[in-house]
């Protein structure tokens, strides 16, 4: 808990200030706020290509891991399968991705980036990276590096966590 001292009020308060006990917001709420702020900025960039930040996050993984399985993509994005299907449907309508059955297991669907999707990804990547860097500029360099290490560690553990 954090103590917050308030200004004294009235004669009784002149001798002693009130002290409020204020709990910091839960970590999850603070991380969510930071994530939403970044996503709103990315939404403004990706809107010109009929995408949201969520579509961008999916396209980014698809471009980097061409032929990614839908279930793996859903876990990587921490979204439910029906939500991911909507994201991929929108990307497919824009001709940024296409789906093919896995030749090794016809029950699995793999998502591939189209040449148009790869081109749009390349076009937006630098602007989005600069936007992220600007937003994280509020942190000292050592704090950004610590955040990067923690998120990389989380990424390695995320699949186990999200499968629970």
N, C-alpha and C. Protein backbone atom coordinates (compact mmCIF):
# COMPACT_ATOMS: atom_id res chain seq x y z
N UNK A 1 0.83 -1.18 0.00
CA UNK A 1 0.00 0.00 0.00
C UNK A 1 0.87 1.24 0.00
N UNK A 2 0.33 2.28 -0.55
CA UNK A 2 1.02 3.55 -0.63
C UNK A 2 0.31 4.53 0.28
N UNK A 3 1.06 5.27 1.07
CA UNK A 3 0.47 6.33 1.89
C UNK A 3 0.44 7.60 1.08
N UNK A 4 -0.69 8.27 1.10
CA UNK A 4 -0.84 9.55 0.42
C UNK A 4 -1.26 10.56 1.46
N UNK A 5 -0.47 11.60 1.62
CA UNK A 5 -0.78 12.61 2.61
C UNK A 5 -1.64 13.67 1.96
N UNK A 6 -2.70 14.04 2.65
CA UNK A 6 -3.58 15.08 2.13
C UNK A 6 -3.34 16.35 2.92
N UNK A 7 -3.79 17.47 2.37
CA UNK A 7 -3.63 18.76 3.07
C UNK A 7 -4.57 18.80 4.27
N UNK A 8 -4.13 19.41 5.33
CA UNK A 8 -5.01 19.53 6.49
C UNK A 8 -6.20 20.42 6.17
N UNK A 9 -7.34 20.10 6.77
CA UNK A 9 -8.54 20.90 6.58
C UNK A 9 -9.06 21.33 7.92
N UNK A 10 -9.46 22.58 8.04
CA UNK A 10 -10.05 23.10 9.27
C UNK A 10 -9.07 23.14 10.43
N UNK A 11 -9.57 23.56 11.58
CA UNK A 11 -8.74 23.72 12.77
C UNK A 11 -8.21 22.39 13.26
N UNK A 12 -9.06 21.37 13.25
CA UNK A 12 -8.64 20.06 13.74
C UNK A 12 -7.55 19.49 12.85
N UNK A 13 -7.65 19.77 11.57
CA UNK A 13 -6.68 19.24 10.62
C UNK A 13 -5.39 20.02 10.58
N UNK A 14 -5.38 21.20 11.15
CA UNK A 14 -4.19 22.03 11.10
C UNK A 14 -3.02 21.38 11.82
N UNK A 15 -3.31 20.63 12.85
CA UNK A 15 -2.24 20.01 13.62
C UNK A 15 -1.74 18.73 12.97
N UNK A 16 -2.61 18.06 12.23
CA UNK A 16 -2.22 16.75 11.70
C UNK A 16 -2.92 16.51 10.36
N UNK A 17 -2.18 16.09 9.37
CA UNK A 17 -2.75 15.80 8.05
C UNK A 17 -3.34 14.40 8.04
N UNK A 18 -4.40 14.23 7.26
CA UNK A 18 -4.98 12.90 7.08
C UNK A 18 -4.06 12.07 6.21
N UNK A 19 -4.01 10.78 6.45
CA UNK A 19 -3.23 9.88 5.62
C UNK A 19 -4.19 8.83 5.07
N UNK A 20 -4.27 8.75 3.75
CA UNK A 20 -5.11 7.76 3.08
C UNK A 20 -4.27 6.55 2.72
N UNK A 21 -4.83 5.38 2.82
CA UNK A 21 -4.18 4.17 2.37
C UNK A 21 -4.68 3.89 0.96
N UNK A 22 -3.80 3.97 -0.03
CA UNK A 22 -4.18 3.77 -1.42
C UNK A 22 -3.42 2.57 -1.96
N UNK A 23 -4.15 1.58 -2.42
CA UNK A 23 -3.50 0.41 -3.02
C UNK A 23 -3.18 0.71 -4.47
N UNK A 24 -1.99 0.34 -4.93
CA UNK A 24 -1.72 0.52 -6.36
C UNK A 24 -2.62 -0.40 -7.18
N UNK A 25 -2.92 0.03 -8.40
CA UNK A 25 -3.74 -0.80 -9.27
C UNK A 25 -3.04 -2.14 -9.47
N UNK A 26 -3.81 -3.19 -9.64
CA UNK A 26 -3.19 -4.49 -9.90
C UNK A 26 -2.33 -4.45 -11.16
N UNK A 27 -1.28 -5.24 -11.15
CA UNK A 27 -0.34 -5.28 -12.28
C UNK A 27 -1.07 -5.57 -13.58
N UNK A 28 -2.00 -6.51 -13.57
CA UNK A 28 -2.72 -6.86 -14.80
C UNK A 28 -3.45 -5.65 -15.38
N UNK A 29 -4.03 -4.84 -14.52
CA UNK A 29 -4.73 -3.65 -14.99
C UNK A 29 -3.79 -2.63 -15.59
N UNK A 30 -2.63 -2.47 -14.98
CA UNK A 30 -1.65 -1.52 -15.51
C UNK A 30 -1.06 -1.99 -16.83
N UNK A 31 -0.77 -3.30 -16.92
CA UNK A 31 -0.29 -3.84 -18.19
C UNK A 31 -1.35 -3.71 -19.28
N UNK A 32 -2.60 -3.96 -18.91
CA UNK A 32 -3.70 -3.83 -19.87
C UNK A 32 -3.82 -2.39 -20.36
N UNK A 33 -3.66 -1.42 -19.47
CA UNK A 33 -3.73 -0.01 -19.88
C UNK A 33 -2.62 0.33 -20.88
N UNK A 34 -1.41 -0.13 -20.60
CA UNK A 34 -0.30 0.11 -21.51
C UNK A 34 -0.55 -0.56 -22.86
N UNK A 35 -1.03 -1.78 -22.83
CA UNK A 35 -1.33 -2.51 -24.06
C UNK A 35 -2.41 -1.80 -24.88
N UNK A 36 -3.46 -1.34 -24.22
CA UNK A 36 -4.54 -0.64 -24.93
C UNK A 36 -4.05 0.67 -25.54
N UNK A 37 -3.18 1.38 -24.81
CA UNK A 37 -2.64 2.63 -25.34
C UNK A 37 -1.84 2.35 -26.62
N UNK A 38 -1.00 1.33 -26.58
CA UNK A 38 -0.22 0.97 -27.78
C UNK A 38 -1.15 0.51 -28.91
N UNK A 39 -2.15 -0.29 -28.57
CA UNK A 39 -3.07 -0.79 -29.60
C UNK A 39 -3.85 0.34 -30.26
N UNK A 40 -4.26 1.35 -29.49
CA UNK A 40 -4.96 2.50 -30.09
C UNK A 40 -4.06 3.22 -31.09
N UNK A 41 -2.79 3.37 -30.74
CA UNK A 41 -1.85 4.02 -31.66
C UNK A 41 -1.66 3.18 -32.92
N UNK A 42 -1.56 1.87 -32.75
CA UNK A 42 -1.39 0.98 -33.90
C UNK A 42 -2.66 0.95 -34.73
N UNK A 43 -3.83 1.02 -34.10
CA UNK A 43 -5.10 1.09 -34.83
C UNK A 43 -5.10 2.25 -35.82
N UNK A 44 -4.59 3.39 -35.39
CA UNK A 44 -4.57 4.57 -36.27
C UNK A 44 -3.67 4.34 -37.48
N UNK A 45 -2.60 3.58 -37.30
CA UNK A 45 -1.67 3.30 -38.40
C UNK A 45 -2.26 2.26 -39.35
N UNK A 46 -2.83 1.22 -38.80
CA UNK A 46 -3.31 0.10 -39.63
C UNK A 46 -4.67 0.38 -40.29
N UNK A 47 -5.39 1.38 -39.80
CA UNK A 47 -6.72 1.68 -40.35
C UNK A 47 -6.66 1.96 -41.85
N UNK A 48 -5.58 2.54 -42.32
CA UNK A 48 -5.45 2.85 -43.75
C UNK A 48 -5.46 1.58 -44.61
N UNK A 49 -5.21 0.44 -43.97
CA UNK A 49 -5.21 -0.84 -44.69
C UNK A 49 -6.37 -1.74 -44.25
N UNK A 50 -7.41 -1.11 -43.70
CA UNK A 50 -8.62 -1.83 -43.31
C UNK A 50 -8.33 -2.92 -42.28
N UNK A 51 -7.44 -2.60 -41.32
CA UNK A 51 -7.07 -3.54 -40.26
C UNK A 51 -7.12 -2.83 -38.93
N UNK A 52 -7.29 -3.62 -37.88
CA UNK A 52 -7.14 -3.13 -36.52
C UNK A 52 -5.77 -3.59 -36.01
N UNK A 53 -5.43 -3.16 -34.81
CA UNK A 53 -4.20 -3.63 -34.19
C UNK A 53 -4.23 -5.14 -34.02
N UNK A 54 -5.38 -5.68 -33.64
CA UNK A 54 -5.49 -7.14 -33.47
C UNK A 54 -5.20 -7.88 -34.77
N UNK A 55 -5.70 -7.35 -35.88
CA UNK A 55 -5.41 -7.96 -37.18
C UNK A 55 -3.90 -7.86 -37.47
N UNK A 56 -3.31 -6.71 -37.13
CA UNK A 56 -1.88 -6.52 -37.33
C UNK A 56 -1.08 -7.56 -36.55
N UNK A 57 -1.44 -7.77 -35.27
CA UNK A 57 -0.71 -8.73 -34.45
C UNK A 57 -0.76 -10.12 -35.09
N UNK A 58 -1.92 -10.49 -35.62
CA UNK A 58 -2.06 -11.79 -36.29
C UNK A 58 -1.22 -11.82 -37.57
N UNK A 59 -1.33 -10.77 -38.39
CA UNK A 59 -0.57 -10.73 -39.64
C UNK A 59 0.93 -10.78 -39.37
N UNK A 60 1.38 -10.09 -38.34
CA UNK A 60 2.80 -10.09 -38.01
C UNK A 60 3.30 -11.51 -37.73
N UNK A 61 2.55 -12.28 -36.97
CA UNK A 61 2.95 -13.66 -36.68
C UNK A 61 2.90 -14.50 -37.94
N UNK A 62 1.86 -14.32 -38.74
CA UNK A 62 1.71 -15.12 -39.96
C UNK A 62 2.86 -14.85 -40.92
N UNK A 63 3.24 -13.59 -41.07
CA UNK A 63 4.36 -13.26 -41.96
C UNK A 63 5.66 -13.85 -41.44
N UNK A 64 5.87 -13.78 -40.14
CA UNK A 64 7.11 -14.27 -39.54
C UNK A 64 7.17 -15.80 -39.48
N UNK A 65 6.00 -16.45 -39.40
CA UNK A 65 5.94 -17.91 -39.32
C UNK A 65 4.97 -18.42 -40.39
N UNK A 66 5.30 -18.19 -41.63
CA UNK A 66 4.41 -18.56 -42.72
C UNK A 66 4.02 -20.04 -42.61
N UNK A 67 2.73 -20.29 -42.75
CA UNK A 67 2.23 -21.65 -42.63
C UNK A 67 1.95 -22.03 -41.18
N UNK A 68 1.62 -21.03 -40.37
CA UNK A 68 1.34 -21.27 -38.95
C UNK A 68 -0.05 -21.92 -38.80
N UNK A 69 -0.14 -22.87 -37.89
CA UNK A 69 -1.41 -23.54 -37.62
C UNK A 69 -2.33 -22.58 -36.85
N UNK A 70 -3.62 -22.66 -37.14
CA UNK A 70 -4.60 -21.79 -36.48
C UNK A 70 -4.54 -21.95 -34.97
N UNK A 71 -4.42 -23.17 -34.47
CA UNK A 71 -4.42 -23.36 -33.01
C UNK A 71 -3.17 -22.74 -32.38
N UNK A 72 -2.04 -22.82 -33.07
CA UNK A 72 -0.81 -22.20 -32.56
C UNK A 72 -0.96 -20.67 -32.56
N UNK A 73 -1.54 -20.15 -33.62
CA UNK A 73 -1.75 -18.70 -33.72
C UNK A 73 -2.68 -18.21 -32.62
N UNK A 74 -3.73 -18.95 -32.34
CA UNK A 74 -4.67 -18.57 -31.27
C UNK A 74 -3.96 -18.53 -29.92
N UNK A 75 -3.12 -19.52 -29.66
CA UNK A 75 -2.36 -19.53 -28.40
C UNK A 75 -1.36 -18.38 -28.34
N UNK A 76 -0.69 -18.11 -29.44
CA UNK A 76 0.30 -17.03 -29.47
C UNK A 76 -0.35 -15.67 -29.21
N UNK A 77 -1.57 -15.49 -29.67
CA UNK A 77 -2.29 -14.23 -29.49
C UNK A 77 -3.15 -14.23 -28.22
N UNK A 78 -3.24 -15.37 -27.55
CA UNK A 78 -4.08 -15.52 -26.36
C UNK A 78 -5.53 -15.15 -26.64
N UNK A 79 -6.06 -15.67 -27.74
CA UNK A 79 -7.46 -15.44 -28.09
C UNK A 79 -8.15 -16.78 -28.32
N UNK A 80 -9.45 -16.78 -28.18
CA UNK A 80 -10.24 -17.98 -28.44
C UNK A 80 -10.26 -18.27 -29.94
N UNK A 81 -10.42 -19.54 -30.27
CA UNK A 81 -10.42 -19.95 -31.68
C UNK A 81 -11.45 -19.19 -32.52
N UNK A 82 -12.70 -19.00 -32.05
CA UNK A 82 -13.66 -18.24 -32.87
C UNK A 82 -13.22 -16.80 -33.13
N UNK A 83 -12.58 -16.19 -32.15
CA UNK A 83 -12.08 -14.81 -32.33
C UNK A 83 -10.98 -14.79 -33.38
N UNK A 84 -10.07 -15.74 -33.28
CA UNK A 84 -8.99 -15.82 -34.27
C UNK A 84 -9.56 -16.03 -35.67
N UNK A 85 -10.57 -16.88 -35.78
CA UNK A 85 -11.18 -17.13 -37.09
C UNK A 85 -11.69 -15.82 -37.69
N UNK A 86 -12.29 -14.95 -36.88
CA UNK A 86 -12.75 -13.64 -37.37
C UNK A 86 -11.57 -12.79 -37.84
N UNK A 87 -10.48 -12.80 -37.09
CA UNK A 87 -9.30 -12.04 -37.50
C UNK A 87 -8.78 -12.54 -38.85
N UNK A 88 -8.63 -13.85 -38.97
CA UNK A 88 -8.08 -14.43 -40.19
C UNK A 88 -9.05 -14.24 -41.36
N UNK A 89 -10.36 -14.34 -41.09
CA UNK A 89 -11.36 -14.07 -42.15
C UNK A 89 -11.17 -12.67 -42.71
N UNK A 90 -11.01 -11.68 -41.82
CA UNK A 90 -10.84 -10.30 -42.26
C UNK A 90 -9.55 -10.14 -43.07
N UNK A 91 -8.48 -10.76 -42.59
CA UNK A 91 -7.22 -10.70 -43.34
C UNK A 91 -7.35 -11.37 -44.71
N UNK A 92 -8.11 -12.46 -44.77
CA UNK A 92 -8.31 -13.15 -46.04
C UNK A 92 -9.17 -12.31 -47.00
N UNK A 93 -10.19 -11.66 -46.48
CA UNK A 93 -11.03 -10.79 -47.32
C UNK A 93 -10.19 -9.68 -47.93
N UNK A 94 -9.21 -9.18 -47.18
CA UNK A 94 -8.31 -8.14 -47.69
C UNK A 94 -7.19 -8.71 -48.56
N UNK A 95 -7.19 -10.02 -48.74
CA UNK A 95 -6.18 -10.73 -49.55
C UNK A 95 -4.78 -10.63 -48.94
N UNK A 96 -4.70 -10.54 -47.60
CA UNK A 96 -3.41 -10.50 -46.92
C UNK A 96 -2.92 -11.90 -46.55
N UNK A 97 -3.85 -12.84 -46.41
CA UNK A 97 -3.51 -14.21 -46.04
C UNK A 97 -4.40 -15.18 -46.81
N UNK A 98 -3.98 -16.44 -46.80
CA UNK A 98 -4.83 -17.51 -47.32
C UNK A 98 -4.60 -18.75 -46.46
N UNK A 99 -5.59 -19.63 -46.48
CA UNK A 99 -5.53 -20.85 -45.67
C UNK A 99 -5.36 -22.06 -46.58
N UNK A 100 -4.60 -23.03 -46.08
CA UNK A 100 -4.46 -24.31 -46.76
C UNK A 100 -4.50 -25.42 -45.72
N UNK A 101 -5.00 -26.57 -46.13
CA UNK A 101 -4.96 -27.72 -45.23
C UNK A 101 -3.51 -28.16 -45.06
N UNK A 102 -3.18 -28.61 -43.87
CA UNK A 102 -1.84 -29.14 -43.59
C UNK A 102 -1.67 -30.44 -44.36
N UNK A 103 -0.66 -30.55 -45.24
CA UNK A 103 -0.49 -31.78 -46.02
C UNK A 103 -0.20 -33.00 -45.14
N UNK A 104 0.35 -32.78 -43.94
CA UNK A 104 0.64 -33.89 -43.04
C UNK A 104 -0.56 -34.31 -42.20
N UNK A 105 -1.53 -33.42 -42.04
CA UNK A 105 -2.72 -33.70 -41.23
C UNK A 105 -3.84 -32.83 -41.77
N UNK A 106 -4.66 -33.42 -42.63
CA UNK A 106 -5.71 -32.67 -43.34
C UNK A 106 -6.71 -32.00 -42.40
N UNK A 107 -6.72 -32.40 -41.13
CA UNK A 107 -7.65 -31.77 -40.17
C UNK A 107 -7.16 -30.40 -39.74
N UNK A 108 -5.86 -30.13 -39.87
CA UNK A 108 -5.28 -28.85 -39.46
C UNK A 108 -5.30 -27.86 -40.61
N UNK A 109 -5.52 -26.61 -40.25
CA UNK A 109 -5.50 -25.53 -41.24
C UNK A 109 -4.27 -24.67 -40.96
N UNK A 110 -3.52 -24.40 -42.02
CA UNK A 110 -2.34 -23.55 -41.93
C UNK A 110 -2.64 -22.21 -42.60
N UNK A 111 -2.13 -21.15 -42.01
CA UNK A 111 -2.36 -19.81 -42.55
C UNK A 111 -1.05 -19.30 -43.14
N UNK A 112 -1.15 -18.81 -44.36
CA UNK A 112 0.02 -18.31 -45.09
C UNK A 112 -0.20 -16.84 -45.44
N UNK A 113 0.88 -16.08 -45.46
CA UNK A 113 0.82 -14.69 -45.91
C UNK A 113 0.84 -14.67 -47.43
N UNK A 114 -0.01 -13.85 -48.01
CA UNK A 114 0.03 -13.64 -49.46
C UNK A 114 1.14 -12.63 -49.75
N UNK A 115 1.46 -12.46 -51.00
CA UNK A 115 2.47 -11.45 -51.34
C UNK A 115 1.96 -10.06 -50.97
N UNK A 116 0.66 -9.84 -51.12
CA UNK A 116 0.07 -8.55 -50.72
C UNK A 116 0.20 -8.36 -49.20
N UNK A 117 -0.08 -9.41 -48.42
CA UNK A 117 0.04 -9.34 -46.97
C UNK A 117 1.47 -9.06 -46.54
N UNK A 118 2.42 -9.73 -47.18
CA UNK A 118 3.84 -9.52 -46.86
C UNK A 118 4.24 -8.08 -47.20
N UNK A 119 3.72 -7.55 -48.30
CA UNK A 119 4.03 -6.19 -48.73
C UNK A 119 3.47 -5.17 -47.74
N UNK A 120 2.22 -5.36 -47.33
CA UNK A 120 1.59 -4.45 -46.36
C UNK A 120 2.34 -4.53 -45.03
N UNK A 121 2.71 -5.74 -44.63
CA UNK A 121 3.46 -5.92 -43.39
C UNK A 121 4.76 -5.13 -43.46
N UNK A 122 5.49 -5.26 -44.54
CA UNK A 122 6.76 -4.56 -44.71
C UNK A 122 6.55 -3.05 -44.70
N UNK A 123 5.48 -2.60 -45.33
CA UNK A 123 5.18 -1.17 -45.39
C UNK A 123 4.91 -0.59 -43.99
N UNK A 124 4.20 -1.33 -43.15
CA UNK A 124 3.78 -0.83 -41.84
C UNK A 124 4.79 -1.09 -40.73
N UNK A 125 5.65 -2.07 -40.91
CA UNK A 125 6.53 -2.53 -39.84
C UNK A 125 7.37 -1.41 -39.23
N UNK A 126 8.01 -0.60 -40.05
CA UNK A 126 8.86 0.47 -39.53
C UNK A 126 8.08 1.51 -38.75
N UNK A 127 6.92 1.89 -39.26
CA UNK A 127 6.09 2.89 -38.59
C UNK A 127 5.60 2.36 -37.25
N UNK A 128 5.19 1.11 -37.23
CA UNK A 128 4.70 0.53 -35.98
C UNK A 128 5.84 0.37 -34.98
N UNK A 129 7.00 -0.05 -35.43
CA UNK A 129 8.16 -0.17 -34.54
C UNK A 129 8.52 1.20 -33.96
N UNK A 130 8.48 2.24 -34.77
CA UNK A 130 8.78 3.59 -34.29
C UNK A 130 7.73 4.06 -33.29
N UNK A 131 6.49 3.73 -33.53
CA UNK A 131 5.41 4.09 -32.61
C UNK A 131 5.59 3.39 -31.27
N UNK A 132 5.95 2.12 -31.30
CA UNK A 132 6.21 1.38 -30.06
C UNK A 132 7.39 1.99 -29.31
N UNK A 133 8.45 2.31 -30.04
CA UNK A 133 9.64 2.90 -29.41
C UNK A 133 9.30 4.25 -28.78
N UNK A 134 8.51 5.04 -29.47
CA UNK A 134 8.10 6.35 -28.93
C UNK A 134 7.26 6.17 -27.67
N UNK A 135 6.32 5.24 -27.71
CA UNK A 135 5.46 5.01 -26.55
C UNK A 135 6.26 4.50 -25.35
N UNK A 136 7.25 3.67 -25.62
CA UNK A 136 8.06 3.12 -24.52
C UNK A 136 9.20 4.06 -24.13
N UNK A 137 9.32 5.19 -24.82
CA UNK A 137 10.34 6.18 -24.51
C UNK A 137 10.16 6.78 -23.12
N UNK A 138 8.99 6.57 -22.53
CA UNK A 138 8.77 7.08 -21.16
C UNK A 138 9.60 6.32 -20.14
N UNK A 139 10.13 5.14 -20.52
CA UNK A 139 10.93 4.33 -19.62
C UNK A 139 12.42 4.59 -19.85
N UNK A 140 13.19 4.48 -18.81
CA UNK A 140 14.64 4.56 -18.94
C UNK A 140 15.12 3.35 -19.75
N UNK A 141 16.26 3.49 -20.39
CA UNK A 141 16.78 2.41 -21.25
C UNK A 141 16.90 1.09 -20.50
N UNK A 142 17.38 1.12 -19.27
CA UNK A 142 17.54 -0.13 -18.52
C UNK A 142 16.17 -0.76 -18.21
N UNK A 143 15.15 0.08 -18.00
CA UNK A 143 13.81 -0.43 -17.73
C UNK A 143 13.21 -1.05 -18.99
N UNK A 144 13.45 -0.43 -20.16
CA UNK A 144 12.97 -1.01 -21.43
C UNK A 144 13.63 -2.35 -21.67
N UNK A 145 14.94 -2.43 -21.39
CA UNK A 145 15.66 -3.70 -21.57
C UNK A 145 15.13 -4.76 -20.62
N UNK A 146 14.84 -4.37 -19.39
CA UNK A 146 14.28 -5.32 -18.42
C UNK A 146 12.90 -5.79 -18.86
N UNK A 147 12.09 -4.86 -19.37
CA UNK A 147 10.76 -5.22 -19.87
C UNK A 147 10.88 -6.19 -21.04
N UNK A 148 11.81 -5.91 -21.94
CA UNK A 148 12.04 -6.79 -23.10
C UNK A 148 12.44 -8.20 -22.65
N UNK A 149 13.35 -8.28 -21.67
CA UNK A 149 13.77 -9.59 -21.14
C UNK A 149 12.59 -10.33 -20.51
N UNK A 150 11.78 -9.61 -19.74
CA UNK A 150 10.63 -10.24 -19.09
C UNK A 150 9.62 -10.74 -20.12
N UNK A 151 9.35 -9.91 -21.13
CA UNK A 151 8.38 -10.32 -22.16
C UNK A 151 8.92 -11.49 -22.98
N UNK A 152 10.21 -11.51 -23.26
CA UNK A 152 10.80 -12.65 -23.97
C UNK A 152 10.68 -13.91 -23.13
N UNK A 153 10.92 -13.78 -21.84
CA UNK A 153 10.78 -14.92 -20.93
C UNK A 153 9.32 -15.38 -20.90
N UNK A 154 8.40 -14.41 -20.82
CA UNK A 154 6.98 -14.74 -20.83
C UNK A 154 6.61 -15.47 -22.12
N UNK A 155 7.12 -14.98 -23.24
CA UNK A 155 6.81 -15.60 -24.53
C UNK A 155 7.18 -17.07 -24.56
N UNK A 156 8.27 -17.40 -23.92
CA UNK A 156 8.70 -18.80 -23.86
C UNK A 156 7.79 -19.63 -22.97
N UNK A 157 7.19 -18.97 -21.98
CA UNK A 157 6.33 -19.68 -21.02
C UNK A 157 4.85 -19.57 -21.40
N UNK A 158 4.49 -18.68 -22.30
CA UNK A 158 3.09 -18.37 -22.58
C UNK A 158 2.28 -19.56 -23.06
N UNK A 159 2.86 -20.38 -23.90
CA UNK A 159 2.09 -21.51 -24.43
C UNK A 159 1.65 -22.45 -23.30
N UNK A 160 2.53 -22.72 -22.35
CA UNK A 160 2.16 -23.55 -21.21
C UNK A 160 1.08 -22.87 -20.39
N UNK A 161 1.22 -21.56 -20.17
CA UNK A 161 0.27 -20.80 -19.35
C UNK A 161 -1.10 -20.76 -20.02
N UNK A 162 -1.15 -20.45 -21.33
CA UNK A 162 -2.42 -20.29 -22.00
C UNK A 162 -3.11 -21.62 -22.27
N UNK A 163 -2.39 -22.72 -22.22
CA UNK A 163 -3.04 -24.02 -22.45
C UNK A 163 -3.70 -24.55 -21.19
N UNK A 164 -3.50 -23.88 -20.05
CA UNK A 164 -4.10 -24.34 -18.79
C UNK A 164 -5.55 -23.94 -18.69
